[in-house]
Every structure is written in C-alpha cells, then in structure tokens.
Amino acid sequence: MKQIIIIGGGAIGLGVAYHLAKLGETSVTLLERNQLTSGTSWHAAGIVGPLRATPNMTRLAKYALTCFTRLESETGMSTGYKRTGGYWLAREVDRMDELHRIASLGRHFGLNCHIESPEQLQKKLPWLDLQSGRCLR
C-alpha cells in the first residue's frame, strides 16, 4: 500500500496535498509542527500577484489566482481571499528598465499592466512620498 507524506503545512505543502486529492489520491498525510500556514507562508500576508519576472512564474501565479477563487466553492470554507491590484515602484533607471520588461511579459499573458508617470501616480496616491516610497499618513 502506498502512502504519501507531505512535511510542512505551508502554501506549498497544502497545495501539493490539494492537487493530489484532486487527482484521486486517498493516502495523503500532511505533517505540520504548528498551525497550518504559520511559518513562512504567514509572512507573505496573502500577497499573490500574477505578474512575475519570468514566464513560468507568471503562469504559476496566474494558475494560483484561479485556484484560490475556486477553493471556497469547492470546500465550503471561507478563504478570505480578495483579488486586488498593486504598484511596483522604480527609483533607478535599471529598475525601470526591468519593470518595462516585466510589464510587457504581463501584457503577453493577458494581464492589465501599464507604466504610469510619477505625476499620474501622485494623483492616484497623494499620500505616497515618491522619493522614499513611504506612506505620508
């Protein structure tokens, strides 16, 4: 009799257990030393943006977003997941070049990515100090 043991109840361990169960595996045991997602996964604070630096990471993150939206209806348990947006800031030319490349990759994958000028961003986020990236509130 085969048995699958997963060590760690973080996002990866739980994801592996979930997908094995979806494939019909019934002999899966997940071991966690504390509470589920109380380790490194907890520190991510639910930040799940689909835009990543590489095509494979972008595919994986996009899949995670579709999976998270299904979990509540599949399990009957509230996940508390809320889809939001975000901003990436650049204070140096090299970082801005990287963000242009990543935004182009995101558009290739059908994501709503665009570059805004500091003036446009300041109008949308007047409480943000663009020089330091700190909140003024």
C-alpha atoms as a PDB file:
ATOM      1  CA  MET A   1       0.000   0.000   0.000  1.00  0.00           C
ATOM      2  CA  LYS A   2       1.484   3.371  -0.970  1.00  0.00           C
ATOM      3  CA  GLN A   3       1.320   6.311   1.353  1.00  0.00           C
ATOM      4  CA  ILE A   4       2.242   9.883   0.576  1.00  0.00           C
ATOM      5  CA  ILE A   5       3.600  12.017   3.391  1.00  0.00           C
ATOM      6  CA  ILE A   6       3.941  15.771   2.973  1.00  0.00           C
ATOM      7  CA  ILE A   7       6.076  17.582   5.507  1.00  0.00           C
ATOM      8  CA  GLY A   8       5.016  21.172   6.082  1.00  0.00           C
ATOM      9  CA  GLY A   9       1.583  22.777   6.054  1.00  0.00           C
ATOM     10  CA  GLY A  10       2.546  25.953   4.282  1.00  0.00           C
ATOM     11  CA  ALA A  11       1.317  27.141   0.915  1.00  0.00           C
ATOM     12  CA  ILE A  12       3.394  24.580  -0.992  1.00  0.00           C
ATOM     13  CA  GLY A  13       2.589  21.584   1.229  1.00  0.00           C
ATOM     14  CA  LEU A  14      -1.114  22.406   1.273  1.00  0.00           C
ATOM     15  CA  GLY A  15      -1.092  22.987  -2.472  1.00  0.00           C
ATOM     16  CA  VAL A  16       0.526  19.612  -3.120  1.00  0.00           C
ATOM     17  CA  ALA A  17      -1.976  17.867  -0.814  1.00  0.00           C
ATOM     18  CA  TYR A  18      -4.893  19.638  -2.503  1.00  0.00           C
ATOM     19  CA  HIS A  19      -3.760  18.697  -6.006  1.00  0.00           C
ATOM     20  CA  LEU A  20      -3.045  15.083  -5.043  1.00  0.00           C
ATOM     21  CA  ALA A  21      -6.561  14.833  -3.609  1.00  0.00           C
ATOM     22  CA  LYS A  22      -7.963  16.336  -6.830  1.00  0.00           C
ATOM     23  CA  LEU A  23      -6.124  13.560  -8.698  1.00  0.00           C
ATOM     24  CA  GLY A  24      -7.861  10.966  -6.528  1.00  0.00           C
ATOM     25  CA  GLU A  25      -5.087  10.127  -4.073  1.00  0.00           C
ATOM     26  CA  THR A  26      -6.570   8.963  -0.773  1.00  0.00           C
ATOM     27  CA  SER A  27      -3.450   8.046   1.182  1.00  0.00           C
ATOM     28  CA  VAL A  28      -2.028  11.525   1.745  1.00  0.00           C
ATOM     29  CA  THR A  29      -0.825  12.578   5.196  1.00  0.00           C
ATOM     30  CA  LEU A  30       0.275  16.153   5.852  1.00  0.00           C
ATOM     31  CA  LEU A  31       2.541  16.783   8.843  1.00  0.00           C
ATOM     32  CA  GLU A  32       2.813  20.273  10.345  1.00  0.00           C
ATOM     33  CA  ARG A  33       4.611  21.121  13.585  1.00  0.00           C
ATOM     34  CA  ASN A  34       2.435  24.122  14.397  1.00  0.00           C
ATOM     35  CA  GLN A  35      -0.657  25.660  12.749  1.00  0.00           C
ATOM     36  CA  LEU A  36      -1.238  25.474   9.015  1.00  0.00           C
ATOM     37  CA  THR A  37       0.472  28.350   7.174  1.00  0.00           C
ATOM     38  CA  SER A  38       2.001  29.670  10.404  1.00  0.00           C
ATOM     39  CA  GLY A  39       5.583  29.624   9.113  1.00  0.00           C
ATOM     40  CA  THR A  40       6.946  31.349   6.035  1.00  0.00           C
ATOM     41  CA  SER A  41       3.559  31.352   4.260  1.00  0.00           C
ATOM     42  CA  TRP A  42       2.121  33.530   7.020  1.00  0.00           C
ATOM     43  CA  HIS A  43       4.711  36.232   6.328  1.00  0.00           C
ATOM     44  CA  ALA A  44       3.527  36.618   2.723  1.00  0.00           C
ATOM     45  CA  ALA A  45       0.262  38.053   4.122  1.00  0.00           C
ATOM     46  CA  GLY A  46      -1.785  36.913   1.143  1.00  0.00           C
ATOM     47  CA  ILE A  47       0.250  38.764  -1.435  1.00  0.00           C
ATOM     48  CA  VAL A  48      -0.473  36.847  -4.613  1.00  0.00           C
ATOM     49  CA  GLY A  49       0.202  38.976  -7.639  1.00  0.00           C
ATOM     50  CA  PRO A  50       0.119  37.323 -11.055  1.00  0.00           C
ATOM     51  CA  LEU A  51       2.872  39.493 -12.524  1.00  0.00           C
ATOM     52  CA  ARG A  52       6.251  37.802 -12.055  1.00  0.00           C
ATOM     53  CA  ALA A  53       9.727  38.189 -13.519  1.00  0.00           C
ATOM     54  CA  THR A  54       9.667  35.035 -15.681  1.00  0.00           C
ATOM     55  CA  PRO A  55       7.091  33.366 -17.945  1.00  0.00           C
ATOM     56  CA  ASN A  56       6.928  30.185 -15.837  1.00  0.00           C
ATOM     57  CA  MET A  57       6.469  32.073 -12.574  1.00  0.00           C
ATOM     58  CA  THR A  58       3.764  34.212 -14.219  1.00  0.00           C
ATOM     59  CA  ARG A  59       1.937  31.066 -15.431  1.00  0.00           C
ATOM     60  CA  LEU A  60       2.142  29.549 -11.953  1.00  0.00           C
ATOM     61  CA  ALA A  61       0.905  32.717 -10.235  1.00  0.00           C
ATOM     62  CA  LYS A  62      -1.979  33.092 -12.708  1.00  0.00           C
ATOM     63  CA  TYR A  63      -2.978  29.489 -12.021  1.00  0.00           C
ATOM     64  CA  ALA A  64      -2.845  30.135  -8.259  1.00  0.00           C
ATOM     65  CA  LEU A  65      -5.270  33.041  -8.651  1.00  0.00           C
ATOM     66  CA  THR A  66      -7.807  30.879 -10.479  1.00  0.00           C
ATOM     67  CA  CYS A  67      -7.336  28.109  -7.920  1.00  0.00           C
ATOM     68  CA  PHE A  68      -7.855  30.460  -4.958  1.00  0.00           C
ATOM     69  CA  THR A  69     -11.134  31.718  -6.374  1.00  0.00           C
ATOM     70  CA  ARG A  70     -12.416  28.111  -6.665  1.00  0.00           C
ATOM     71  CA  LEU A  71     -11.389  26.935  -3.183  1.00  0.00           C
ATOM     72  CA  GLU A  72     -14.296  28.455  -1.281  1.00  0.00           C
ATOM     73  CA  SER A  73     -16.942  26.917  -3.548  1.00  0.00           C
ATOM     74  CA  GLU A  74     -15.155  23.548  -3.626  1.00  0.00           C
ATOM     75  CA  THR A  75     -14.576  23.255   0.111  1.00  0.00           C
ATOM     76  CA  GLY A  76     -17.391  25.310   1.624  1.00  0.00           C
ATOM     77  CA  MET A  77     -14.773  27.054   3.778  1.00  0.00           C
ATOM     78  CA  SER A  78     -14.175  30.783   3.618  1.00  0.00           C
ATOM     79  CA  THR A  79     -10.658  31.564   2.449  1.00  0.00           C
ATOM     80  CA  GLY A  80     -10.922  35.321   2.897  1.00  0.00           C
ATOM     81  CA  TYR A  81      -9.163  35.712  -0.447  1.00  0.00           C
ATOM     82  CA  LYS A  82      -9.674  39.085  -2.137  1.00  0.00           C
ATOM     83  CA  ARG A  83      -8.269  39.952  -5.516  1.00  0.00           C
ATOM     84  CA  THR A  84      -6.563  43.347  -5.512  1.00  0.00           C
ATOM     85  CA  GLY A  85      -4.076  45.250  -7.607  1.00  0.00           C
ATOM     86  CA  GLY A  86      -0.733  46.764  -6.861  1.00  0.00           C
ATOM     87  CA  TYR A  87       2.077  49.061  -7.876  1.00  0.00           C
ATOM     88  CA  TRP A  88       5.758  48.386  -8.381  1.00  0.00           C
ATOM     89  CA  LEU A  89       7.926  51.442  -7.897  1.00  0.00           C
ATOM     90  CA  ALA A  90      11.269  52.238  -9.518  1.00  0.00           C
ATOM     91  CA  ARG A  91      13.697  54.859  -8.310  1.00  0.00           C
ATOM     92  CA  GLU A  92      16.563  53.901 -10.618  1.00  0.00           C
ATOM     93  CA  VAL A  93      16.833  53.593 -14.403  1.00  0.00           C
ATOM     94  CA  ASP A  94      17.865  49.919 -14.272  1.00  0.00           C
ATOM     95  CA  ARG A  95      14.813  49.055 -12.174  1.00  0.00           C
ATOM     96  CA  MET A  96      12.572  50.986 -14.570  1.00  0.00           C
ATOM     97  CA  ASP A  97      14.022  49.001 -17.492  1.00  0.00           C
ATOM     98  CA  GLU A  98      13.235  45.787 -15.616  1.00  0.00           C
ATOM     99  CA  LEU A  99       9.665  46.935 -14.920  1.00  0.00           C
ATOM    100  CA  HIS A 100       9.124  47.739 -18.597  1.00  0.00           C
ATOM    101  CA  ARG A 101      10.253  44.193 -19.458  1.00  0.00           C
ATOM    102  CA  ILE A 102       8.042  42.613 -16.776  1.00  0.00           C
ATOM    103  CA  ALA A 103       5.012  44.724 -17.791  1.00  0.00           C
ATOM    104  CA  SER A 104       5.494  43.614 -21.397  1.00  0.00           C
ATOM    105  CA  LEU A 105       5.608  39.991 -20.232  1.00  0.00           C
ATOM    106  CA  GLY A 106       2.414  40.549 -18.226  1.00  0.00           C
ATOM    107  CA  ARG A 107       0.602  42.014 -21.223  1.00  0.00           C
ATOM    108  CA  HIS A 108       1.686  38.963 -23.246  1.00  0.00           C
ATOM    109  CA  PHE A 109      -0.122  36.818 -20.648  1.00  0.00           C
ATOM    110  CA  GLY A 110      -3.256  38.975 -20.775  1.00  0.00           C
ATOM    111  CA  LEU A 111      -2.656  40.939 -17.587  1.00  0.00           C
ATOM    112  CA  ASN A 112      -3.630  44.602 -17.248  1.00  0.00           C
ATOM    113  CA  CYS A 113      -0.155  46.113 -16.853  1.00  0.00           C
ATOM    114  CA  HIS A 114       0.861  49.634 -17.630  1.00  0.00           C
ATOM    115  CA  ILE A 115       3.556  52.118 -16.696  1.00  0.00           C
ATOM    116  CA  GLU A 116       2.495  55.382 -15.079  1.00  0.00           C
ATOM    117  CA  SER A 117       4.446  58.590 -14.772  1.00  0.00           C
ATOM    118  CA  PRO A 118       5.315  59.923 -11.328  1.00  0.00           C
ATOM    119  CA  GLU A 119       2.703  62.663 -11.873  1.00  0.00           C
ATOM    120  CA  GLN A 120      -0.047  60.143 -12.675  1.00  0.00           C
ATOM    121  CA  LEU A 121       0.905  58.050  -9.663  1.00  0.00           C
ATOM    122  CA  GLN A 122       0.984  61.055  -7.342  1.00  0.00           C
ATOM    123  CA  LYS A 123      -2.602  61.937  -8.363  1.00  0.00           C
ATOM    124  CA  LYS A 124      -3.774  58.399  -7.575  1.00  0.00           C
ATOM    125  CA  LEU A 125      -1.740  58.026  -4.382  1.00  0.00           C
ATOM    126  CA  PRO A 126      -1.324  61.508  -2.876  1.00  0.00           C
ATOM    127  CA  TRP A 127      -0.340  60.006   0.485  1.00  0.00           C
ATOM    128  CA  LEU A 128       2.762  58.328  -1.012  1.00  0.00           C
ATOM    129  CA  ASP A 129       6.157  60.016  -0.927  1.00  0.00           C
ATOM    130  CA  LEU A 130       7.535  59.025  -4.329  1.00  0.00           C
ATOM    131  CA  GLN A 131      11.118  59.827  -3.364  1.00  0.00           C
ATOM    132  CA  SER A 132      11.247  57.423  -0.438  1.00  0.00           C
ATOM    133  CA  GLY A 133       8.330  55.096  -1.238  1.00  0.00           C
ATOM    134  CA  ARG A 134       6.964  55.758   2.262  1.00  0.00           C
ATOM    135  CA  CYS A 135       3.402  56.418   3.297  1.00  0.00           C
ATOM    136  CA  LEU A 136       2.804  60.002   4.463  1.00  0.00           C
ATOM    137  CA  ARG A 137      -0.197  59.121   6.628  1.00  0.00           C
END
